[in-house]
Structures are given as structure tokens and as C-alpha cells.
Amino acid sequence: MVAVTKNGSKADVGGVVDTINKRVSGKNWKIQKTATARNQQPKQLRKNWDQRSKERARNDATKSLEKQLKAEKQAEKDVCR
């Protein structure tokens, strides 16, 4: 419940805090936290969700192939023993 005054600014109504502009706890000196891992990268290096999911799928396929090859190699060693 936010009332807009004549000059266009928002005002609190009925003790309800406008959470977009003010903190409910009253700790206005604290900064708004963001997702740091991706936000600290330059825009050119950031990837969207589709790119990240494709890369994850490619990495998973590579790892499964690697595990399969290692298992075959280990099986060959076990047969020779």
C-alpha cells in the first residue's frame, strides 16, 4: 500500500514499508546483494542459461565417455592379470 503524492514520489501508508526503495529492517546502509560469480565477469564473458546448460551437457557427455574408456582399460588390465 503505497500512496503517490502530488510530486510523484511514493509515501508509506498505514505503516507498510515500500520494500522496493526501503529495507523492512531499517538497515539502509547495507547494500543490495547480487549473484557475484556471474556479475563480476565482464559482459563479453557472461553466458546465458541456454549456453551454460549446453556446456554442462557437453561436459557431462565427455566425462561419461572418459569414465567408460577408463573402465574398459581397467577391464583389459584385469583380464591380463
N, C-alpha and C. Protein backbone atom coordinates (compact mmCIF):
# COMPACT_ATOMS: atom_id res chain seq x y z
N MET A 1 0.84 -1.17 0.00
CA MET A 1 0.00 0.00 0.00
C MET A 1 0.88 1.23 0.00
N VAL A 2 1.09 1.75 -1.14
CA VAL A 2 1.92 2.93 -1.29
C VAL A 2 1.09 4.00 -1.95
N ALA A 3 1.12 5.18 -1.37
CA ALA A 3 0.40 6.30 -1.96
C ALA A 3 1.38 7.16 -2.74
N VAL A 4 0.93 7.64 -3.87
CA VAL A 4 1.77 8.52 -4.67
C VAL A 4 1.34 9.95 -4.39
N THR A 5 2.30 10.78 -4.01
CA THR A 5 2.00 12.17 -3.69
C THR A 5 1.90 13.00 -4.96
N LYS A 6 1.58 14.27 -4.80
CA LYS A 6 1.39 15.16 -5.95
C LYS A 6 2.64 15.29 -6.81
N ASN A 7 3.81 15.28 -6.18
CA ASN A 7 5.04 15.44 -6.95
C ASN A 7 5.54 14.11 -7.53
N GLY A 8 4.78 13.03 -7.37
CA GLY A 8 5.14 11.76 -7.99
C GLY A 8 5.96 10.83 -7.13
N SER A 9 6.32 11.23 -5.91
CA SER A 9 7.11 10.36 -5.05
C SER A 9 6.19 9.43 -4.26
N LYS A 10 6.72 8.31 -3.83
CA LYS A 10 5.93 7.33 -3.09
C LYS A 10 6.03 7.62 -1.60
N ALA A 11 4.95 7.36 -0.88
CA ALA A 11 4.93 7.56 0.56
C ALA A 11 4.35 6.32 1.21
N ASP A 12 4.77 6.03 2.46
CA ASP A 12 4.27 4.87 3.19
C ASP A 12 2.85 5.16 3.68
N VAL A 13 2.00 4.14 3.60
CA VAL A 13 0.62 4.29 4.05
C VAL A 13 0.33 3.19 5.05
N GLY A 14 -0.20 3.55 6.20
CA GLY A 14 -0.64 2.57 7.18
C GLY A 14 0.48 1.75 7.77
N GLY A 15 1.68 2.25 7.85
CA GLY A 15 2.79 1.54 8.46
C GLY A 15 3.42 0.48 7.57
N VAL A 16 2.98 0.36 6.34
CA VAL A 16 3.56 -0.61 5.41
C VAL A 16 4.75 0.04 4.72
N VAL A 17 5.86 -0.68 4.67
CA VAL A 17 7.08 -0.13 4.10
C VAL A 17 7.15 -0.47 2.62
N ASP A 18 7.52 0.50 1.81
CA ASP A 18 7.74 0.26 0.38
C ASP A 18 9.05 -0.49 0.26
N THR A 19 8.99 -1.81 0.06
CA THR A 19 10.20 -2.64 0.10
C THR A 19 11.08 -2.47 -1.12
N ILE A 20 10.59 -1.84 -2.16
CA ILE A 20 11.43 -1.63 -3.33
C ILE A 20 12.49 -0.58 -3.03
N ASN A 21 12.10 0.47 -2.34
CA ASN A 21 13.02 1.57 -2.07
C ASN A 21 13.64 1.52 -0.68
N LYS A 22 12.96 0.90 0.28
CA LYS A 22 13.44 0.89 1.66
C LYS A 22 13.52 -0.54 2.16
N ARG A 23 14.39 -0.76 3.13
CA ARG A 23 14.51 -2.07 3.74
C ARG A 23 13.52 -2.17 4.90
N VAL A 24 12.95 -3.35 5.07
CA VAL A 24 11.99 -3.57 6.14
C VAL A 24 12.70 -3.48 7.48
N SER A 25 13.94 -3.97 7.56
CA SER A 25 14.67 -3.97 8.82
C SER A 25 15.15 -2.59 9.21
N GLY A 26 15.14 -1.64 8.29
CA GLY A 26 15.61 -0.30 8.58
C GLY A 26 17.11 -0.14 8.41
N LYS A 27 17.81 -1.17 7.96
CA LYS A 27 19.26 -1.09 7.78
C LYS A 27 19.55 -0.57 6.38
N ASN A 28 19.36 0.71 6.20
CA ASN A 28 19.50 1.32 4.88
C ASN A 28 20.95 1.39 4.42
N TRP A 29 21.91 1.24 5.33
CA TRP A 29 23.31 1.35 4.94
C TRP A 29 23.81 0.07 4.26
N LYS A 30 23.07 -1.03 4.39
CA LYS A 30 23.51 -2.28 3.76
C LYS A 30 23.21 -2.22 2.27
N ILE A 31 24.14 -2.77 1.49
CA ILE A 31 23.96 -2.75 0.04
C ILE A 31 23.15 -3.96 -0.40
N GLN A 32 22.50 -3.85 -1.55
CA GLN A 32 21.73 -4.96 -2.10
C GLN A 32 22.70 -5.98 -2.69
N LYS A 33 22.56 -7.23 -2.30
CA LYS A 33 23.47 -8.27 -2.78
C LYS A 33 23.02 -8.78 -4.15
N THR A 34 23.99 -9.15 -4.95
CA THR A 34 23.71 -9.71 -6.27
C THR A 34 24.45 -11.03 -6.41
N ALA A 35 24.16 -11.77 -7.44
CA ALA A 35 24.86 -13.02 -7.71
C ALA A 35 26.27 -12.68 -8.15
N THR A 36 27.26 -12.93 -7.29
CA THR A 36 28.60 -12.41 -7.52
C THR A 36 29.36 -13.14 -8.61
N ALA A 37 29.20 -14.44 -8.73
CA ALA A 37 30.05 -15.20 -9.65
C ALA A 37 29.90 -14.72 -11.08
N ARG A 38 28.68 -14.47 -11.50
CA ARG A 38 28.48 -14.04 -12.89
C ARG A 38 28.54 -12.53 -13.03
N ASN A 39 28.22 -11.79 -11.98
CA ASN A 39 28.21 -10.33 -12.10
C ASN A 39 29.60 -9.73 -12.09
N GLN A 40 30.58 -10.43 -11.59
CA GLN A 40 31.92 -9.88 -11.56
C GLN A 40 32.65 -10.09 -12.88
N GLN A 41 32.07 -10.87 -13.78
CA GLN A 41 32.67 -11.08 -15.09
C GLN A 41 32.29 -9.93 -16.01
N PRO A 42 33.14 -9.62 -16.97
CA PRO A 42 32.75 -8.63 -17.97
C PRO A 42 31.58 -9.14 -18.80
N LYS A 43 30.82 -8.25 -19.36
CA LYS A 43 29.63 -8.62 -20.14
C LYS A 43 29.97 -9.57 -21.28
N GLN A 44 31.16 -9.44 -21.88
CA GLN A 44 31.53 -10.29 -23.01
C GLN A 44 31.69 -11.74 -22.59
N LEU A 45 32.06 -11.99 -21.34
CA LEU A 45 32.33 -13.35 -20.87
C LEU A 45 31.10 -14.02 -20.26
N ARG A 46 30.05 -13.26 -19.98
CA ARG A 46 28.86 -13.84 -19.37
C ARG A 46 28.10 -14.68 -20.39
N LYS A 47 27.53 -15.77 -19.91
CA LYS A 47 26.77 -16.67 -20.77
C LYS A 47 25.35 -16.75 -20.24
N ASN A 48 24.40 -16.89 -21.14
CA ASN A 48 23.03 -17.03 -20.70
C ASN A 48 22.75 -18.47 -20.30
N TRP A 49 21.54 -18.73 -19.82
CA TRP A 49 21.20 -20.04 -19.28
C TRP A 49 21.34 -21.14 -20.33
N ASP A 50 20.88 -20.88 -21.55
CA ASP A 50 20.95 -21.89 -22.59
C ASP A 50 22.39 -22.28 -22.90
N GLN A 51 23.28 -21.29 -22.98
CA GLN A 51 24.68 -21.58 -23.26
C GLN A 51 25.30 -22.40 -22.13
N ARG A 52 24.98 -22.04 -20.88
CA ARG A 52 25.54 -22.77 -19.74
C ARG A 52 25.01 -24.20 -19.69
N SER A 53 23.72 -24.39 -19.98
CA SER A 53 23.17 -25.75 -19.93
C SER A 53 23.74 -26.62 -21.06
N LYS A 54 23.95 -26.04 -22.25
CA LYS A 54 24.56 -26.80 -23.34
C LYS A 54 26.00 -27.19 -22.98
N GLU A 55 26.72 -26.26 -22.38
CA GLU A 55 28.10 -26.55 -21.99
C GLU A 55 28.15 -27.64 -20.92
N ARG A 56 27.21 -27.59 -19.95
CA ARG A 56 27.14 -28.62 -18.93
C ARG A 56 26.85 -29.99 -19.53
N ALA A 57 25.92 -30.02 -20.48
CA ALA A 57 25.57 -31.30 -21.12
C ALA A 57 26.77 -31.85 -21.89
N ARG A 58 27.50 -30.97 -22.58
CA ARG A 58 28.69 -31.40 -23.33
C ARG A 58 29.75 -31.93 -22.37
N ASN A 59 29.95 -31.24 -21.24
CA ASN A 59 30.93 -31.70 -20.26
C ASN A 59 30.53 -33.04 -19.65
N ASP A 60 29.23 -33.21 -19.37
CA ASP A 60 28.76 -34.48 -18.82
C ASP A 60 28.98 -35.62 -19.80
N ALA A 61 28.72 -35.37 -21.08
CA ALA A 61 28.94 -36.41 -22.10
C ALA A 61 30.41 -36.77 -22.19
N THR A 62 31.28 -35.77 -22.13
CA THR A 62 32.72 -36.01 -22.19
C THR A 62 33.18 -36.83 -20.98
N LYS A 63 32.67 -36.47 -19.80
CA LYS A 63 33.06 -37.19 -18.59
C LYS A 63 32.58 -38.64 -18.61
N SER A 64 31.36 -38.85 -19.11
CA SER A 64 30.86 -40.23 -19.16
C SER A 64 31.68 -41.07 -20.14
N LEU A 65 32.07 -40.48 -21.27
CA LEU A 65 32.91 -41.20 -22.23
C LEU A 65 34.28 -41.51 -21.62
N GLU A 66 34.81 -40.55 -20.89
CA GLU A 66 36.11 -40.75 -20.24
C GLU A 66 36.02 -41.88 -19.21
N LYS A 67 34.94 -41.90 -18.42
CA LYS A 67 34.76 -42.98 -17.44
C LYS A 67 34.64 -44.33 -18.13
N GLN A 68 33.92 -44.35 -19.25
CA GLN A 68 33.75 -45.60 -19.99
C GLN A 68 35.09 -46.11 -20.51
N LEU A 69 35.90 -45.22 -21.07
CA LEU A 69 37.21 -45.62 -21.58
C LEU A 69 38.12 -46.11 -20.46
N LYS A 70 38.08 -45.44 -19.31
CA LYS A 70 38.89 -45.88 -18.18
C LYS A 70 38.44 -47.24 -17.68
N ALA A 71 37.13 -47.48 -17.67
CA ALA A 71 36.61 -48.77 -17.23
C ALA A 71 37.05 -49.88 -18.18
N GLU A 72 37.01 -49.61 -19.48
CA GLU A 72 37.47 -50.61 -20.46
C GLU A 72 38.96 -50.90 -20.29
N LYS A 73 39.72 -49.86 -20.06
CA LYS A 73 41.17 -50.03 -19.88
C LYS A 73 41.45 -50.85 -18.62
N GLN A 74 40.70 -50.57 -17.56
CA GLN A 74 40.88 -51.31 -16.31
C GLN A 74 40.45 -52.77 -16.49
N ALA A 75 39.39 -53.00 -17.27
CA ALA A 75 38.94 -54.37 -17.53
C ALA A 75 40.00 -55.15 -18.30
N GLU A 76 40.66 -54.51 -19.26
CA GLU A 76 41.73 -55.17 -20.01
C GLU A 76 42.90 -55.52 -19.08
N LYS A 77 43.21 -54.62 -18.15
CA LYS A 77 44.29 -54.90 -17.20
C LYS A 77 43.92 -56.08 -16.30
N ASP A 78 42.65 -56.14 -15.88
CA ASP A 78 42.22 -57.23 -15.01
C ASP A 78 42.25 -58.57 -15.72
N VAL A 79 41.96 -58.60 -17.02
CA VAL A 79 41.99 -59.84 -17.79
C VAL A 79 43.42 -60.35 -17.91
N CYS A 80 44.36 -59.46 -18.09
CA CYS A 80 45.77 -59.85 -18.25
C CYS A 80 46.37 -60.38 -16.96
N ARG A 81 45.84 -60.06 -15.84
CA ARG A 81 46.41 -60.49 -14.56
C ARG A 81 46.09 -61.87 -14.22
